[in-house]
Amino acid sequence: MRIAILDPFSGIAGDMALGALVHVGLDPEWLRALPATLGLSGIGVEIREVIRGEIVCQKVDFDIPPQPHGRHIRDIQTLVAKSGAPQVVRERADRAFWAIATAEGEIHGMPPEEVHLHEVGAVDAILDVVGVIWGLELLGVERVYCGAVALGDGSVKAAHGILPVPAPATLKLLEGHPVRPGPEGSGELVTPTGAALVRVLSSGPPPAEYLPLRSGFGAGTKDFHGRANALRVILAEAAGNGGGSEDLVELVCDIDDMSPEYLAAVADRIRDAGALDVTMLAAAMKRGRPGTRLEVLCRPVDVQKLEDMLLVETTTIGVRHRAVRRRALPREVITVAVLGHEISAKLVSLPNGRRRAKPEFADVQRVALATGRPLQDISRLAATEAERRSDA
């Protein structure tokens, strides 16, 4: 299984991550075409080699004409939805922007939908988030890990005035992830965009053992004397390469006094907030009342947030949680052509070396409606084509 390890020894920002991905093999021409892919015209992309602390790095800058100063979360979602990015990329990008909007909303006391994202709603931040998430997919990365994040020190001037470093929303996004202050005199080293990427992508600290394949550095804008202001990214193969195991948390609550459609809506919101899986099971409650057991699988970093959502948005008065261990098969998302239409399919590698494909239902349904063919026919054709490509 191919993994990526983020080494934020001098913090992390979106442009630093893009530069590091280019350094380890992301096609620069693909990145130069990204603004047009997102429907953003008149934007130039400069990719160049620079030196940071005697280390050769790649630096990515966007030349952006005047744009709206910030956007609301729905505006950004619409833009990403029209990009043509694979579904997994769109979903992770949405999670990143929702994470930022939720953190900003908690800081300023307003719903995420009403938050006006200033710096993060700008075009360069949108390109950073989508570019990093999509770039990792193009590089075949199946899982991302991140070491302790250097936060910087001092204060920073933002749209809301002078803020301490790390900015409040940035620190909230990093809750549950190892961080450390400094180095002294460095100022802000972590942007909200960089923190959101860590929150959405990281599966936790780097594994104890892995096989490094390539490494590269993405330069930050600041150029400190005597030390490198850069983000290192390591592409590697996970030890064993037979499907990774990870420690997760399962949240459980039982509910017998809530309308089913409202409960289903809450389950959808919890999925959007970062849950790995949400299951609703029929349960018999006290005095034989029919109820629902809600089980939420999540990473440790998301426990507090999702536990709070269950207590606030459902009628439960208690949530249990327990540590679980999950083994997940290596997987990748590919696009295949069926009857002249594109369908995304998830391709998993089995322990016996074989591969199995599962087409995305939404794409299968769209093609079935367009061609008049049965859903099962379209699904079978897509799965066969995906598995044929994997054997080629």
Foldseek 3Di string as FASTA:
>chain_A
DKAKEKEQPQFDDLQQLLFFLVFFPQDVVVLQCQCVLLVHPDKGWDWDWDDFLNDITIGIDIDHDDDPQFAALVVLLVSLVSNPQPPVLSLLLSLLLLLLLPLVCVVVVHHSRPDGGGPCRDPVNSSSSSVNSSSCQVVVHQAYAYAAHEFEFDWDQDPVGIATTPRRSLVVLCFPAHYDYDDYPSYGRYDSSGSSCCSRGHLYHDDPDWAWDDKHWGADPDHDPNGGSTMMMTITQGPPNFFDKGKKKKKKFKDQPDDVVLVVVLQVVLVSNAFPDWDWDWDQDPPRGIIIMIITIHHPSCVVVSLVSCCPRGVTPDMDMDMDMDTGFRWHWDWDADPNFIWIWIWTAHNVGAIWIFTDQVRLVVVCVVPVHDSVVSRVVRRVRVRVVVVD
